[in-house]
Amino acid sequence: MLARELERQENNIVGRVRSTLEELAVGAGTVTFQGLNDRIMNCLSQAGLPALVERMDSLINAPPAVASPVPSTVPLDAPTLCYWGGAYRRVLQDFNFPESGAFDMWLLWNCGDNARNIGPYKSFETMDMPNPNAKKRFSDLKFFANILVDKARELGIYENSMSEARATEVYKLCQESVGISTITRRN
């Protein structure tokens, strides 16, 4: 009984010393990757997410050398991540925007591309784009979509997550704000 109490006290003291040292490291700006990683992993484990901890460990210890989608059971509006160019990105390295009309691009912006397993384009960042042309096209698409989003917000009909049917309704109500009179699909 005394041995258990001593062990408990020892663990308590060691934990407090470690916590104090970590706080000092944060204050001094000398946070180490290992210290931060240990903290995050511990929090995730305590939250009951051991599978996520294992997945993060595997990603940290062995990032893929070529572009490959990270398998996921998450809904499509949480984009698939790909590893290329030394970072995780939301598109594959050979990603190209489809040649599509305004309506189709609006649907891709809000709903993604199920056929290519790509989440909503609105979740992309410029750094996800693999080349200057894709960065420019993304910038143009974002500008176009933001005009429609602003109009939809003005009308009180914007929703952050829309089905294809709802995105179509919103487009029909807001298309005049970008000077487009009819819905056309490119074949």
C-alpha atoms as a PDB file:
ATOM      1  CA  MET A   1       0.000   0.000   0.000  1.00  0.00           C
ATOM      2  CA  LEU A   2       2.821   2.384   0.839  1.00  0.00           C
ATOM      3  CA  ALA A   3       4.587   1.421  -2.402  1.00  0.00           C
ATOM      4  CA  ARG A   4       1.470   2.273  -4.429  1.00  0.00           C
ATOM      5  CA  GLU A   5       1.122   5.612  -2.683  1.00  0.00           C
ATOM      6  CA  LEU A   6       4.781   6.418  -3.325  1.00  0.00           C
ATOM      7  CA  GLU A   7       4.421   5.464  -6.971  1.00  0.00           C
ATOM      8  CA  ARG A   8       1.299   7.619  -7.295  1.00  0.00           C
ATOM      9  CA  GLN A   9       3.091  10.578  -5.689  1.00  0.00           C
ATOM     10  CA  GLU A  10       6.128  10.038  -7.890  1.00  0.00           C
ATOM     11  CA  ASN A  11       3.965  10.034 -11.029  1.00  0.00           C
ATOM     12  CA  ASN A  12       2.167  13.133  -9.807  1.00  0.00           C
ATOM     13  CA  ILE A  13       5.460  14.984  -9.150  1.00  0.00           C
ATOM     14  CA  VAL A  14       6.994  13.905 -12.453  1.00  0.00           C
ATOM     15  CA  GLY A  15       3.855  14.984 -14.289  1.00  0.00           C
ATOM     16  CA  ARG A  16       3.846  18.397 -12.631  1.00  0.00           C
ATOM     17  CA  VAL A  17       7.566  18.918 -13.324  1.00  0.00           C
ATOM     18  CA  ARG A  18       7.050  17.923 -16.957  1.00  0.00           C
ATOM     19  CA  SER A  19       4.059  20.255 -17.227  1.00  0.00           C
ATOM     20  CA  THR A  20       6.074  23.120 -15.733  1.00  0.00           C
ATOM     21  CA  LEU A  21       8.953  22.470 -18.123  1.00  0.00           C
ATOM     22  CA  GLU A  22       6.563  22.432 -21.070  1.00  0.00           C
ATOM     23  CA  GLU A  23       5.025  25.731 -19.917  1.00  0.00           C
ATOM     24  CA  LEU A  24       8.492  27.260 -19.645  1.00  0.00           C
ATOM     25  CA  ALA A  25       9.365  25.978 -23.117  1.00  0.00           C
ATOM     26  CA  VAL A  26       6.202  27.576 -24.527  1.00  0.00           C
ATOM     27  CA  GLY A  27       6.996  30.852 -22.750  1.00  0.00           C
ATOM     28  CA  ALA A  28      10.557  30.841 -24.045  1.00  0.00           C
ATOM     29  CA  GLY A  29       9.440  29.998 -27.575  1.00  0.00           C
ATOM     30  CA  THR A  30      11.315  26.712 -27.586  1.00  0.00           C
ATOM     31  CA  VAL A  31       8.450  24.332 -28.089  1.00  0.00           C
ATOM     32  CA  THR A  32       9.738  21.130 -29.591  1.00  0.00           C
ATOM     33  CA  PHE A  33       7.909  19.084 -32.173  1.00  0.00           C
ATOM     34  CA  GLN A  34       8.091  16.056 -29.919  1.00  0.00           C
ATOM     35  CA  GLY A  35       6.628  17.941 -26.961  1.00  0.00           C
ATOM     36  CA  LEU A  36       3.779  19.330 -29.010  1.00  0.00           C
ATOM     37  CA  ASN A  37       3.198  15.991 -30.735  1.00  0.00           C
ATOM     38  CA  ASP A  38       3.091  14.174 -27.378  1.00  0.00           C
ATOM     39  CA  ARG A  39       0.569  16.705 -26.058  1.00  0.00           C
ATOM     40  CA  ILE A  40      -1.718  16.402 -29.067  1.00  0.00           C
ATOM     41  CA  MET A  41      -1.557  12.610 -29.109  1.00  0.00           C
ATOM     42  CA  ASN A  42      -2.275  12.460 -25.380  1.00  0.00           C
ATOM     43  CA  CYS A  43      -5.309  14.736 -25.754  1.00  0.00           C
ATOM     44  CA  LEU A  44      -6.670  12.678 -28.648  1.00  0.00           C
ATOM     45  CA  SER A  45      -6.180   9.447 -26.725  1.00  0.00           C
ATOM     46  CA  GLN A  46      -7.939  10.877 -23.673  1.00  0.00           C
ATOM     47  CA  ALA A  47     -10.799  11.986 -25.917  1.00  0.00           C
ATOM     48  CA  GLY A  48     -11.258   8.372 -27.010  1.00  0.00           C
ATOM     49  CA  LEU A  49      -9.899   8.732 -30.534  1.00  0.00           C
ATOM     50  CA  PRO A  50      -7.163   6.075 -30.615  1.00  0.00           C
ATOM     51  CA  ALA A  51      -7.688   5.333 -34.328  1.00  0.00           C
ATOM     52  CA  LEU A  52      -7.011   8.983 -35.129  1.00  0.00           C
ATOM     53  CA  VAL A  53      -3.882   8.876 -32.966  1.00  0.00           C
ATOM     54  CA  GLU A  54      -2.640   5.805 -34.844  1.00  0.00           C
ATOM     55  CA  ARG A  55      -3.415   7.439 -38.208  1.00  0.00           C
ATOM     56  CA  MET A  56      -1.559  10.621 -37.225  1.00  0.00           C
ATOM     57  CA  ASP A  57       1.399   8.578 -36.012  1.00  0.00           C
ATOM     58  CA  SER A  58       1.566   6.741 -39.332  1.00  0.00           C
ATOM     59  CA  LEU A  59       1.373  10.025 -41.287  1.00  0.00           C
ATOM     60  CA  ILE A  60       4.101  11.617 -39.180  1.00  0.00           C
ATOM     61  CA  ASN A  61       6.404   8.640 -39.349  1.00  0.00           C
ATOM     62  CA  ALA A  62       6.045   7.766 -43.025  1.00  0.00           C
ATOM     63  CA  PRO A  63       4.591  10.366 -45.403  1.00  0.00           C
ATOM     64  CA  PRO A  64       4.040   8.990 -48.889  1.00  0.00           C
ATOM     65  CA  ALA A  65       6.635   9.863 -51.518  1.00  0.00           C
ATOM     66  CA  VAL A  66       4.120  10.316 -54.354  1.00  0.00           C
ATOM     67  CA  ALA A  67       0.656  11.799 -54.693  1.00  0.00           C
ATOM     68  CA  SER A  68      -1.948   9.516 -53.200  1.00  0.00           C
ATOM     69  CA  PRO A  69      -5.392  10.132 -51.768  1.00  0.00           C
ATOM     70  CA  VAL A  70      -5.744   9.576 -48.041  1.00  0.00           C
ATOM     71  CA  PRO A  71      -8.573   7.053 -47.645  1.00  0.00           C
ATOM     72  CA  SER A  72     -11.447   8.427 -45.651  1.00  0.00           C
ATOM     73  CA  THR A  73     -14.887   7.532 -44.384  1.00  0.00           C
ATOM     74  CA  VAL A  74     -15.631  11.234 -43.969  1.00  0.00           C
ATOM     75  CA  PRO A  75     -18.423  12.744 -46.100  1.00  0.00           C
ATOM     76  CA  LEU A  76     -17.373  14.226 -49.437  1.00  0.00           C
ATOM     77  CA  ASP A  77     -17.707  17.804 -48.172  1.00  0.00           C
ATOM     78  CA  ALA A  78     -14.603  17.066 -46.087  1.00  0.00           C
ATOM     79  CA  PRO A  79     -12.076  16.924 -48.920  1.00  0.00           C
ATOM     80  CA  THR A  80      -9.711  14.056 -49.613  1.00  0.00           C
ATOM     81  CA  LEU A  81      -6.107  15.006 -48.893  1.00  0.00           C
ATOM     82  CA  CYS A  82      -3.207  14.168 -51.199  1.00  0.00           C
ATOM     83  CA  TYR A  83       0.493  14.354 -50.395  1.00  0.00           C
ATOM     84  CA  TRP A  84       2.754  15.928 -53.007  1.00  0.00           C
ATOM     85  CA  GLY A  85       5.320  18.688 -53.119  1.00  0.00           C
ATOM     86  CA  GLY A  86       6.128  18.135 -49.445  1.00  0.00           C
ATOM     87  CA  ALA A  87       2.642  19.033 -48.198  1.00  0.00           C
ATOM     88  CA  TYR A  88      -0.914  17.730 -47.922  1.00  0.00           C
ATOM     89  CA  ARG A  89      -3.236  19.259 -50.490  1.00  0.00           C
ATOM     90  CA  ARG A  90      -6.869  18.941 -51.478  1.00  0.00           C
ATOM     91  CA  VAL A  91      -6.198  17.910 -55.100  1.00  0.00           C
ATOM     92  CA  LEU A  92      -3.882  15.508 -56.897  1.00  0.00           C
ATOM     93  CA  GLN A  93      -0.746  16.877 -58.506  1.00  0.00           C
ATOM     94  CA  ASP A  94      -2.232  16.398 -61.997  1.00  0.00           C
ATOM     95  CA  PHE A  95      -5.471  18.256 -61.135  1.00  0.00           C
ATOM     96  CA  ASN A  96      -7.011  20.402 -63.863  1.00  0.00           C
ATOM     97  CA  PHE A  97     -10.219  22.390 -63.765  1.00  0.00           C
ATOM     98  CA  PRO A  98     -12.839  20.963 -66.112  1.00  0.00           C
ATOM     99  CA  GLU A  99     -13.875  22.952 -69.171  1.00  0.00           C
ATOM    100  CA  SER A 100     -17.343  23.877 -67.937  1.00  0.00           C
ATOM    101  CA  GLY A 101     -19.878  26.668 -68.000  1.00  0.00           C
ATOM    102  CA  ALA A 102     -20.781  28.979 -65.150  1.00  0.00           C
ATOM    103  CA  PHE A 103     -23.592  26.795 -63.816  1.00  0.00           C
ATOM    104  CA  ASP A 104     -21.467  23.630 -63.678  1.00  0.00           C
ATOM    105  CA  MET A 105     -18.644  25.526 -61.985  1.00  0.00           C
ATOM    106  CA  TRP A 106     -21.120  26.813 -59.376  1.00  0.00           C
ATOM    107  CA  LEU A 107     -22.181  23.214 -58.694  1.00  0.00           C
ATOM    108  CA  LEU A 108     -18.539  22.122 -58.391  1.00  0.00           C
ATOM    109  CA  TRP A 109     -17.861  25.080 -56.072  1.00  0.00           C
ATOM    110  CA  ASN A 110     -20.641  24.009 -53.713  1.00  0.00           C
ATOM    111  CA  CYS A 111     -21.000  20.264 -54.181  1.00  0.00           C
ATOM    112  CA  GLY A 112     -17.699  18.965 -55.516  1.00  0.00           C
ATOM    113  CA  ASP A 113     -17.120  16.322 -58.136  1.00  0.00           C
ATOM    114  CA  ASN A 114     -18.308  12.902 -56.988  1.00  0.00           C
ATOM    115  CA  ALA A 115     -17.025  11.246 -60.164  1.00  0.00           C
ATOM    116  CA  ARG A 116     -13.453  12.318 -59.352  1.00  0.00           C
ATOM    117  CA  ASN A 117     -13.906  12.050 -55.547  1.00  0.00           C
ATOM    118  CA  ILE A 118     -13.192  15.757 -55.059  1.00  0.00           C
ATOM    119  CA  GLY A 119     -14.954  17.773 -52.379  1.00  0.00           C
ATOM    120  CA  PRO A 120     -16.484  21.210 -52.921  1.00  0.00           C
ATOM    121  CA  TYR A 121     -14.091  23.498 -54.739  1.00  0.00           C
ATOM    122  CA  LYS A 122     -14.826  26.199 -52.158  1.00  0.00           C
ATOM    123  CA  SER A 123     -12.717  24.159 -49.723  1.00  0.00           C
ATOM    124  CA  PHE A 124      -9.608  24.589 -51.905  1.00  0.00           C
ATOM    125  CA  GLU A 125      -6.775  26.956 -51.092  1.00  0.00           C
ATOM    126  CA  THR A 126      -4.454  28.551 -53.641  1.00  0.00           C
ATOM    127  CA  MET A 127      -1.567  26.456 -52.293  1.00  0.00           C
ATOM    128  CA  ASP A 128      -3.510  23.309 -53.269  1.00  0.00           C
ATOM    129  CA  MET A 129      -3.202  24.180 -56.952  1.00  0.00           C
ATOM    130  CA  PRO A 130      -0.427  22.326 -58.812  1.00  0.00           C
ATOM    131  CA  ASN A 131       0.551  25.017 -61.337  1.00  0.00           C
ATOM    132  CA  PRO A 132       0.167  28.725 -62.154  1.00  0.00           C
ATOM    133  CA  ASN A 133      -2.662  28.097 -64.622  1.00  0.00           C
ATOM    134  CA  ALA A 134      -4.692  26.215 -62.012  1.00  0.00           C
ATOM    135  CA  LYS A 135      -3.994  28.976 -59.459  1.00  0.00           C
ATOM    136  CA  LYS A 136      -5.332  31.587 -61.904  1.00  0.00           C
ATOM    137  CA  ARG A 137      -8.412  29.528 -62.754  1.00  0.00           C
ATOM    138  CA  PHE A 138      -9.067  28.976 -59.041  1.00  0.00           C
ATOM    139  CA  SER A 139      -8.769  32.712 -58.413  1.00  0.00           C
ATOM    140  CA  ASP A 140     -11.226  33.431 -61.244  1.00  0.00           C
ATOM    141  CA  LEU A 141     -13.667  30.797 -59.993  1.00  0.00           C
ATOM    142  CA  LYS A 142     -13.465  32.132 -56.447  1.00  0.00           C
ATOM    143  CA  PHE A 143     -14.175  35.677 -57.686  1.00  0.00           C
ATOM    144  CA  PHE A 144     -17.186  34.446 -59.702  1.00  0.00           C
ATOM    145  CA  ALA A 145     -18.557  32.287 -56.869  1.00  0.00           C
ATOM    146  CA  ASN A 146     -18.178  35.076 -54.310  1.00  0.00           C
ATOM    147  CA  ILE A 147     -20.399  37.331 -56.425  1.00  0.00           C
ATOM    148  CA  LEU A 148     -23.119  34.680 -56.308  1.00  0.00           C
ATOM    149  CA  VAL A 149     -22.539  33.992 -52.606  1.00  0.00           C
ATOM    150  CA  ASP A 150     -22.811  37.699 -51.781  1.00  0.00           C
ATOM    151  CA  LYS A 151     -26.077  37.956 -53.728  1.00  0.00           C
ATOM    152  CA  ALA A 152     -27.445  34.816 -52.038  1.00  0.00           C
ATOM    153  CA  ARG A 153     -26.545  36.228 -48.616  1.00  0.00           C
ATOM    154  CA  GLU A 154     -28.210  39.512 -49.538  1.00  0.00           C
ATOM    155  CA  LEU A 155     -31.372  37.551 -50.411  1.00  0.00           C
ATOM    156  CA  GLY A 156     -31.037  35.463 -47.240  1.00  0.00           C
ATOM    157  CA  ILE A 157     -30.877  32.183 -49.159  1.00  0.00           C
ATOM    158  CA  TYR A 158     -27.208  31.227 -48.824  1.00  0.00           C
ATOM    159  CA  GLU A 159     -26.377  27.963 -47.073  1.00  0.00           C
ATOM    160  CA  ASN A 160     -22.803  26.886 -46.381  1.00  0.00           C
ATOM    161  CA  SER A 161     -23.561  23.281 -47.302  1.00  0.00           C
ATOM    162  CA  MET A 162     -25.938  22.752 -50.237  1.00  0.00           C
ATOM    163  CA  SER A 163     -27.241  19.790 -52.155  1.00  0.00           C
ATOM    164  CA  GLU A 164     -27.040  19.970 -55.929  1.00  0.00           C
ATOM    165  CA  ALA A 165     -30.764  20.754 -56.069  1.00  0.00           C
ATOM    166  CA  ARG A 166     -30.420  23.597 -53.562  1.00  0.00           C
ATOM    167  CA  ALA A 167     -27.313  24.977 -55.292  1.00  0.00           C
ATOM    168  CA  THR A 168     -29.315  24.989 -58.546  1.00  0.00           C
ATOM    169  CA  GLU A 169     -32.151  26.958 -56.907  1.00  0.00           C
ATOM    170  CA  VAL A 170     -29.706  29.481 -55.461  1.00  0.00           C
ATOM    171  CA  TYR A 171     -27.982  29.855 -58.836  1.00  0.00           C
ATOM    172  CA  LYS A 172     -31.290  30.524 -60.608  1.00  0.00           C
ATOM    173  CA  LEU A 173     -32.145  33.256 -58.109  1.00  0.00           C
ATOM    174  CA  CYS A 174     -28.703  34.911 -58.217  1.00  0.00           C
ATOM    175  CA  GLN A 175     -27.475  34.436 -61.799  1.00  0.00           C
ATOM    176  CA  GLU A 176     -28.400  37.960 -62.880  1.00  0.00           C
ATOM    177  CA  SER A 177     -25.778  39.321 -60.465  1.00  0.00           C
ATOM    178  CA  VAL A 178     -23.081  37.960 -62.801  1.00  0.00           C
ATOM    179  CA  GLY A 179     -24.922  38.800 -66.040  1.00  0.00           C
ATOM    180  CA  ILE A 180     -25.861  35.223 -66.978  1.00  0.00           C
ATOM    181  CA  SER A 181     -29.435  34.802 -68.144  1.00  0.00           C
ATOM    182  CA  THR A 182     -29.845  31.035 -68.597  1.00  0.00           C
ATOM    183  CA  ILE A 183     -28.519  27.829 -67.128  1.00  0.00           C
ATOM    184  CA  THR A 184     -26.402  26.055 -69.686  1.00  0.00           C
ATOM    185  CA  ARG A 185     -24.447  22.870 -69.230  1.00  0.00           C
ATOM    186  CA  ARG A 186     -21.419  22.146 -71.324  1.00  0.00           C
ATOM    187  CA  ASN A 187     -21.503  18.672 -72.839  1.00  0.00           C
END
